[in-house]
């Protein structure tokens, strides 16, 4: 991350999610967490209150377009995947909340949601995280 900026790394991750092999897509999904700038806090009290610095919030928000691209790429990768174990790994990057997806992805989201809800044992981690 020190050699490149967050935008370049996240762009590459989105590219892997779109065109990589199944293994590369799973690897990219694991890398996403580490490719975002962390929130910083001016004091322990602000950390306890959950109030990050304006600069760290701005750095994170500057990547919002990539976050949306990543979410769309993850949804597409999940739906395109035929391997149940890989699909399970990719599901961890999904949200079951349709409001986080744009209108043009609502049908795809509904399809992914049906897949997840049809196999609650396999997708229990996603279901626990998303009400």
N, C-alpha and C. Protein backbone atom coordinates (compact mmCIF):
# COMPACT_ATOMS: atom_id res chain seq x y z
N UNK A 1 0.82 -1.19 0.00
CA UNK A 1 0.00 0.00 0.00
C UNK A 1 0.87 1.26 0.00
N UNK A 2 2.08 1.17 0.54
CA UNK A 2 2.94 2.35 0.56
C UNK A 2 3.48 2.67 -0.83
N UNK A 3 3.67 1.66 -1.67
CA UNK A 3 4.21 1.88 -3.00
C UNK A 3 3.16 2.43 -3.96
N UNK A 4 1.92 2.04 -3.76
CA UNK A 4 0.82 2.48 -4.61
C UNK A 4 -0.23 3.16 -3.74
N UNK A 5 -1.13 3.87 -4.35
CA UNK A 5 -2.19 4.45 -3.54
C UNK A 5 -3.38 3.50 -3.46
N UNK A 6 -4.28 3.79 -2.56
CA UNK A 6 -5.45 2.94 -2.33
C UNK A 6 -6.28 2.78 -3.60
N UNK A 7 -6.40 3.86 -4.35
CA UNK A 7 -7.21 3.82 -5.57
C UNK A 7 -6.66 2.82 -6.58
N UNK A 8 -5.35 2.82 -6.79
CA UNK A 8 -4.74 1.87 -7.73
C UNK A 8 -4.94 0.43 -7.27
N UNK A 9 -4.73 0.19 -6.01
CA UNK A 9 -4.86 -1.18 -5.49
C UNK A 9 -6.31 -1.64 -5.58
N UNK A 10 -7.23 -0.79 -5.16
CA UNK A 10 -8.63 -1.18 -5.23
C UNK A 10 -9.10 -1.36 -6.67
N UNK A 11 -8.60 -0.56 -7.58
CA UNK A 11 -8.94 -0.73 -9.01
C UNK A 11 -8.47 -2.09 -9.51
N UNK A 12 -7.29 -2.48 -9.11
CA UNK A 12 -6.76 -3.79 -9.51
C UNK A 12 -7.61 -4.91 -8.93
N UNK A 13 -8.04 -4.76 -7.70
CA UNK A 13 -8.88 -5.78 -7.07
C UNK A 13 -10.20 -5.90 -7.81
N UNK A 14 -10.80 -4.79 -8.17
CA UNK A 14 -12.05 -4.82 -8.95
C UNK A 14 -11.81 -5.55 -10.26
N UNK A 15 -10.68 -5.29 -10.90
CA UNK A 15 -10.34 -5.99 -12.14
C UNK A 15 -10.26 -7.49 -11.96
N UNK A 16 -9.62 -7.93 -10.89
CA UNK A 16 -9.56 -9.37 -10.60
C UNK A 16 -10.95 -9.94 -10.35
N UNK A 17 -11.80 -9.19 -9.67
CA UNK A 17 -13.15 -9.68 -9.41
C UNK A 17 -13.93 -9.82 -10.72
N UNK A 18 -13.62 -9.00 -11.67
CA UNK A 18 -14.35 -9.04 -12.95
C UNK A 18 -13.81 -10.10 -13.90
N UNK A 19 -12.49 -10.29 -13.94
CA UNK A 19 -11.92 -11.12 -15.00
C UNK A 19 -11.01 -12.23 -14.51
N UNK A 20 -10.76 -12.31 -13.21
CA UNK A 20 -9.83 -13.31 -12.70
C UNK A 20 -10.42 -14.71 -12.67
N UNK A 21 -9.56 -15.65 -12.39
CA UNK A 21 -10.02 -17.03 -12.17
C UNK A 21 -10.79 -17.06 -10.85
N UNK A 22 -11.44 -18.17 -10.56
CA UNK A 22 -12.15 -18.28 -9.29
C UNK A 22 -11.20 -18.05 -8.12
N UNK A 23 -10.01 -18.65 -8.18
CA UNK A 23 -9.04 -18.48 -7.09
C UNK A 23 -8.61 -17.02 -6.96
N UNK A 24 -8.42 -16.34 -8.08
CA UNK A 24 -8.04 -14.93 -8.04
C UNK A 24 -9.17 -14.07 -7.47
N UNK A 25 -10.39 -14.42 -7.79
CA UNK A 25 -11.53 -13.67 -7.26
C UNK A 25 -11.63 -13.83 -5.74
N UNK A 26 -11.44 -15.03 -5.25
CA UNK A 26 -11.47 -15.25 -3.80
C UNK A 26 -10.32 -14.49 -3.15
N UNK A 27 -9.14 -14.57 -3.74
CA UNK A 27 -7.99 -13.83 -3.21
C UNK A 27 -8.24 -12.33 -3.22
N UNK A 28 -8.83 -11.83 -4.27
CA UNK A 28 -9.13 -10.40 -4.36
C UNK A 28 -10.13 -10.00 -3.28
N UNK A 29 -11.11 -10.86 -3.05
CA UNK A 29 -12.10 -10.53 -2.01
C UNK A 29 -11.45 -10.47 -0.64
N UNK A 30 -10.45 -11.31 -0.40
CA UNK A 30 -9.75 -11.26 0.88
C UNK A 30 -8.85 -10.03 0.98
N UNK A 31 -8.34 -9.56 -0.14
CA UNK A 31 -7.45 -8.41 -0.15
C UNK A 31 -8.20 -7.09 0.03
N UNK A 32 -9.47 -7.08 -0.30
CA UNK A 32 -10.23 -5.83 -0.29
C UNK A 32 -10.16 -5.13 1.08
N UNK A 33 -10.31 -5.87 2.14
CA UNK A 33 -10.29 -5.29 3.48
C UNK A 33 -8.99 -4.52 3.73
N UNK A 34 -7.89 -5.10 3.31
CA UNK A 34 -6.58 -4.50 3.56
C UNK A 34 -6.25 -3.38 2.59
N UNK A 35 -7.03 -3.24 1.56
CA UNK A 35 -6.75 -2.23 0.53
C UNK A 35 -7.52 -0.93 0.77
N UNK A 36 -8.16 -0.82 1.88
CA UNK A 36 -8.88 0.42 2.16
C UNK A 36 -8.14 1.20 3.23
N UNK A 37 -8.24 2.51 3.16
CA UNK A 37 -7.60 3.30 4.21
C UNK A 37 -8.35 3.13 5.52
N UNK A 38 -7.61 3.02 6.57
CA UNK A 38 -8.24 2.85 7.88
C UNK A 38 -8.73 4.17 8.43
N UNK A 39 -9.74 4.08 9.24
CA UNK A 39 -10.22 5.27 9.94
C UNK A 39 -9.26 5.56 11.09
N UNK A 40 -8.99 6.82 11.31
CA UNK A 40 -8.11 7.23 12.40
C UNK A 40 -8.93 8.09 13.38
N UNK A 41 -8.46 8.10 14.60
CA UNK A 41 -9.16 8.81 15.66
C UNK A 41 -8.18 9.72 16.38
N UNK A 42 -8.62 10.90 16.73
CA UNK A 42 -7.74 11.88 17.36
C UNK A 42 -7.43 11.53 18.81
N UNK A 43 -8.30 10.76 19.44
CA UNK A 43 -8.09 10.41 20.85
C UNK A 43 -8.80 9.09 21.15
N UNK A 44 -8.48 8.53 22.28
CA UNK A 44 -9.15 7.30 22.72
C UNK A 44 -10.63 7.56 22.95
N UNK A 45 -10.96 8.73 23.44
CA UNK A 45 -12.37 9.07 23.66
C UNK A 45 -13.14 9.09 22.34
N UNK A 46 -12.54 9.66 21.31
CA UNK A 46 -13.21 9.68 20.00
C UNK A 46 -13.30 8.28 19.41
N UNK A 47 -12.32 7.45 19.68
CA UNK A 47 -12.40 6.04 19.26
C UNK A 47 -13.58 5.36 19.96
N UNK A 48 -13.69 5.56 21.26
CA UNK A 48 -14.81 4.95 22.01
C UNK A 48 -16.16 5.44 21.49
N UNK A 49 -16.20 6.70 21.10
CA UNK A 49 -17.45 7.29 20.60
C UNK A 49 -17.68 6.99 19.12
N UNK A 50 -16.67 6.43 18.47
CA UNK A 50 -16.80 6.12 17.05
C UNK A 50 -16.77 7.35 16.16
N UNK A 51 -15.95 8.34 16.52
CA UNK A 51 -15.86 9.58 15.76
C UNK A 51 -14.48 9.67 15.14
N UNK A 52 -14.35 9.24 13.87
CA UNK A 52 -13.04 9.31 13.22
C UNK A 52 -12.70 10.74 12.79
N UNK A 53 -11.44 10.95 12.45
CA UNK A 53 -11.02 12.27 11.96
C UNK A 53 -11.68 12.54 10.61
N UNK A 54 -11.87 13.80 10.33
CA UNK A 54 -12.46 14.20 9.05
C UNK A 54 -11.57 13.76 7.89
N UNK A 55 -10.26 13.83 8.06
CA UNK A 55 -9.33 13.44 7.00
C UNK A 55 -9.47 11.96 6.66
N UNK A 56 -9.58 11.12 7.69
CA UNK A 56 -9.68 9.68 7.42
C UNK A 56 -11.04 9.33 6.81
N UNK A 57 -12.10 10.03 7.23
CA UNK A 57 -13.40 9.80 6.60
C UNK A 57 -13.37 10.23 5.14
N UNK A 58 -12.71 11.35 4.86
CA UNK A 58 -12.62 11.85 3.48
C UNK A 58 -11.83 10.88 2.60
N UNK A 59 -10.75 10.32 3.14
CA UNK A 59 -9.94 9.36 2.37
C UNK A 59 -10.77 8.13 2.01
N UNK A 60 -11.57 7.68 2.94
CA UNK A 60 -12.43 6.52 2.68
C UNK A 60 -13.53 6.87 1.69
N UNK A 61 -14.13 8.02 1.85
CA UNK A 61 -15.21 8.43 0.96
C UNK A 61 -14.73 8.70 -0.46
N UNK A 62 -13.47 9.09 -0.61
CA UNK A 62 -12.91 9.33 -1.94
C UNK A 62 -12.89 8.07 -2.79
N UNK A 63 -13.05 6.91 -2.16
CA UNK A 63 -13.04 5.64 -2.87
C UNK A 63 -14.44 5.07 -3.07
N UNK A 64 -15.47 5.87 -2.83
CA UNK A 64 -16.85 5.39 -2.91
C UNK A 64 -17.18 4.80 -4.27
N UNK A 65 -16.68 5.40 -5.36
CA UNK A 65 -16.98 4.88 -6.69
C UNK A 65 -16.43 3.47 -6.86
N UNK A 66 -15.25 3.23 -6.32
CA UNK A 66 -14.67 1.88 -6.41
C UNK A 66 -15.41 0.90 -5.52
N UNK A 67 -15.89 1.37 -4.40
CA UNK A 67 -16.67 0.50 -3.51
C UNK A 67 -17.92 0.00 -4.24
N UNK A 68 -18.58 0.89 -4.97
CA UNK A 68 -19.76 0.49 -5.74
C UNK A 68 -19.38 -0.47 -6.86
N UNK A 69 -18.27 -0.20 -7.55
CA UNK A 69 -17.79 -1.10 -8.61
C UNK A 69 -17.46 -2.48 -8.03
N UNK A 70 -16.82 -2.47 -6.88
CA UNK A 70 -16.45 -3.73 -6.22
C UNK A 70 -17.70 -4.53 -5.84
N UNK A 71 -18.67 -3.85 -5.27
CA UNK A 71 -19.92 -4.53 -4.88
C UNK A 71 -20.58 -5.16 -6.10
N UNK A 72 -20.62 -4.44 -7.21
CA UNK A 72 -21.23 -4.96 -8.44
C UNK A 72 -20.42 -6.14 -8.98
N UNK A 73 -19.09 -6.03 -8.95
CA UNK A 73 -18.24 -7.12 -9.43
C UNK A 73 -18.38 -8.37 -8.57
N UNK A 74 -18.52 -8.19 -7.27
CA UNK A 74 -18.71 -9.34 -6.37
C UNK A 74 -20.03 -10.04 -6.65
N UNK A 75 -21.06 -9.26 -6.87
CA UNK A 75 -22.37 -9.84 -7.18
C UNK A 75 -22.30 -10.64 -8.47
N UNK A 76 -21.67 -10.07 -9.48
CA UNK A 76 -21.52 -10.76 -10.75
C UNK A 76 -20.69 -12.04 -10.61
N UNK A 77 -19.59 -11.96 -9.86
CA UNK A 77 -18.74 -13.13 -9.65
C UNK A 77 -19.49 -14.23 -8.93
N UNK A 78 -20.26 -13.86 -7.93
CA UNK A 78 -21.06 -14.84 -7.19
C UNK A 78 -22.04 -15.56 -8.12
N UNK A 79 -22.74 -14.81 -8.93
CA UNK A 79 -23.74 -15.40 -9.81
C UNK A 79 -23.11 -16.23 -10.92
N UNK A 80 -21.93 -15.86 -11.37
CA UNK A 80 -21.27 -16.59 -12.46
C UNK A 80 -20.57 -17.86 -11.98
N UNK A 81 -20.33 -17.96 -10.71
CA UNK A 81 -19.55 -19.07 -10.17
C UNK A 81 -20.39 -20.36 -10.12
N UNK A 82 -19.80 -21.45 -10.57
CA UNK A 82 -20.48 -22.75 -10.56
C UNK A 82 -20.06 -23.62 -9.37
N UNK A 83 -18.88 -23.36 -8.81
CA UNK A 83 -18.36 -24.18 -7.72
C UNK A 83 -18.99 -23.76 -6.40
N UNK A 84 -19.68 -24.66 -5.69
CA UNK A 84 -20.38 -24.28 -4.45
C UNK A 84 -19.46 -23.71 -3.37
N UNK A 85 -18.27 -24.29 -3.19
CA UNK A 85 -17.37 -23.78 -2.15
C UNK A 85 -16.84 -22.38 -2.49
N UNK A 86 -16.49 -22.19 -3.75
CA UNK A 86 -16.02 -20.88 -4.17
C UNK A 86 -17.14 -19.86 -4.07
N UNK A 87 -18.33 -20.25 -4.47
CA UNK A 87 -19.48 -19.35 -4.38
C UNK A 87 -19.73 -18.96 -2.92
N UNK A 88 -19.56 -19.93 -2.03
CA UNK A 88 -19.71 -19.64 -0.61
C UNK A 88 -18.69 -18.58 -0.17
N UNK A 89 -17.44 -18.74 -0.60
CA UNK A 89 -16.41 -17.75 -0.26
C UNK A 89 -16.77 -16.37 -0.82
N UNK A 90 -17.24 -16.34 -2.04
CA UNK A 90 -17.59 -15.07 -2.67
C UNK A 90 -18.82 -14.43 -2.02
N UNK A 91 -19.67 -15.24 -1.43
CA UNK A 91 -20.87 -14.70 -0.79
C UNK A 91 -20.56 -13.77 0.36
N UNK A 92 -19.39 -13.92 0.95
CA UNK A 92 -19.04 -13.10 2.11
C UNK A 92 -18.90 -11.62 1.77
N UNK A 93 -18.81 -11.32 0.49
CA UNK A 93 -18.71 -9.92 0.06
C UNK A 93 -20.05 -9.35 -0.39
N UNK A 94 -21.11 -10.13 -0.29
CA UNK A 94 -22.43 -9.67 -0.70
C UNK A 94 -23.15 -8.99 0.46
N UNK A 95 -24.15 -8.23 0.11
CA UNK A 95 -25.10 -7.70 1.08
C UNK A 95 -26.46 -8.21 0.66
N UNK A 96 -27.27 -8.55 1.62
CA UNK A 96 -28.64 -8.96 1.31
C UNK A 96 -29.58 -7.75 1.26
N UNK A 97 -29.06 -6.59 1.55
CA UNK A 97 -29.83 -5.36 1.52
C UNK A 97 -29.90 -4.83 0.08
N UNK A 98 -31.07 -4.87 -0.53
CA UNK A 98 -31.17 -4.43 -1.93
C UNK A 98 -30.88 -2.95 -2.12
N UNK A 99 -30.99 -2.16 -1.08
CA UNK A 99 -30.78 -0.71 -1.23
C UNK A 99 -29.33 -0.33 -1.48
N UNK A 100 -28.40 -1.25 -1.26
CA UNK A 100 -26.99 -0.93 -1.52
C UNK A 100 -26.60 -1.19 -2.97
N UNK A 101 -27.53 -1.70 -3.76
CA UNK A 101 -27.28 -1.99 -5.17
C UNK A 101 -28.11 -1.05 -6.03
N UNK A 102 -27.55 -0.57 -7.14
CA UNK A 102 -28.32 0.32 -8.01
C UNK A 102 -29.46 -0.42 -8.71
N UNK A 103 -30.36 0.35 -9.27
CA UNK A 103 -31.54 -0.22 -9.92
C UNK A 103 -31.20 -1.27 -10.97
N UNK A 104 -30.14 -1.04 -11.75
CA UNK A 104 -29.81 -1.98 -12.82
C UNK A 104 -29.29 -3.32 -12.30
N UNK A 105 -29.01 -3.43 -11.00
CA UNK A 105 -28.55 -4.70 -10.41
C UNK A 105 -29.60 -5.36 -9.53
N UNK A 106 -30.78 -4.80 -9.49
CA UNK A 106 -31.81 -5.35 -8.59
C UNK A 106 -32.23 -6.77 -8.96
N UNK A 107 -32.35 -7.08 -10.25
CA UNK A 107 -32.70 -8.45 -10.64
C UNK A 107 -31.59 -9.42 -10.27
N UNK A 108 -30.35 -9.03 -10.49
CA UNK A 108 -29.22 -9.88 -10.13
C UNK A 108 -29.16 -10.06 -8.61
N UNK A 109 -29.40 -8.99 -7.89
CA UNK A 109 -29.40 -9.09 -6.43
C UNK A 109 -30.50 -10.04 -5.95
N UNK A 110 -31.67 -9.92 -6.53
CA UNK A 110 -32.78 -10.80 -6.13
C UNK A 110 -32.42 -12.26 -6.42
N UNK A 111 -31.78 -12.51 -7.53
CA UNK A 111 -31.34 -13.88 -7.86
C UNK A 111 -30.32 -14.39 -6.84
N UNK A 112 -29.35 -13.56 -6.51
CA UNK A 112 -28.35 -13.96 -5.51
C UNK A 112 -29.00 -14.19 -4.16
N UNK A 113 -29.92 -13.35 -3.79
CA UNK A 113 -30.63 -13.50 -2.51
C UNK A 113 -31.39 -14.83 -2.47
N UNK A 114 -32.02 -15.19 -3.57
CA UNK A 114 -32.74 -16.48 -3.62
C UNK A 114 -31.77 -17.65 -3.44
N UNK A 115 -30.62 -17.57 -4.08
CA UNK A 115 -29.61 -18.62 -3.94
C UNK A 115 -29.19 -18.76 -2.48
N UNK A 116 -28.92 -17.64 -1.85
CA UNK A 116 -28.48 -17.65 -0.45
C UNK A 116 -29.57 -18.19 0.46
N UNK A 117 -30.78 -17.70 0.31
CA UNK A 117 -31.87 -18.12 1.19
C UNK A 117 -32.27 -19.57 0.97
N UNK A 118 -32.01 -20.11 -0.20
CA UNK A 118 -32.33 -21.51 -0.49
C UNK A 118 -31.35 -22.47 0.17
N UNK A 119 -30.22 -21.99 0.63
CA UNK A 119 -29.21 -22.86 1.25
C UNK A 119 -28.63 -22.18 2.50
N UNK A 120 -29.46 -22.02 3.53
CA UNK A 120 -29.02 -21.27 4.72
C UNK A 120 -27.84 -21.90 5.45
N UNK A 121 -27.69 -23.20 5.34
CA UNK A 121 -26.56 -23.84 6.01
C UNK A 121 -25.23 -23.42 5.36
N UNK A 122 -25.19 -23.43 4.05
CA UNK A 122 -23.98 -23.05 3.34
C UNK A 122 -23.66 -21.57 3.55
N UNK A 123 -24.68 -20.73 3.56
CA UNK A 123 -24.47 -19.29 3.61
C UNK A 123 -24.74 -18.70 5.01
N UNK A 124 -24.56 -19.51 6.03
CA UNK A 124 -24.87 -19.07 7.39
C UNK A 124 -24.06 -17.84 7.81
N UNK A 125 -22.81 -17.71 7.38
CA UNK A 125 -22.03 -16.53 7.77
C UNK A 125 -22.62 -15.25 7.21
N UNK A 126 -23.02 -15.29 5.97
CA UNK A 126 -23.65 -14.13 5.35
C UNK A 126 -24.98 -13.84 6.04
N UNK A 127 -25.75 -14.86 6.30
CA UNK A 127 -27.05 -14.67 6.91
C UNK A 127 -26.95 -14.13 8.34
N UNK A 128 -25.92 -14.51 9.05
CA UNK A 128 -25.71 -13.98 10.40
C UNK A 128 -25.36 -12.50 10.36
N UNK A 129 -24.61 -12.11 9.35
CA UNK A 129 -24.14 -10.73 9.23
C UNK A 129 -25.23 -9.81 8.70
N UNK A 130 -26.09 -10.34 7.85
CA UNK A 130 -27.12 -9.52 7.20
C UNK A 130 -28.50 -9.97 7.67
N UNK A 131 -29.20 -9.08 8.33
CA UNK A 131 -30.56 -9.45 8.80
C UNK A 131 -31.53 -9.68 7.67
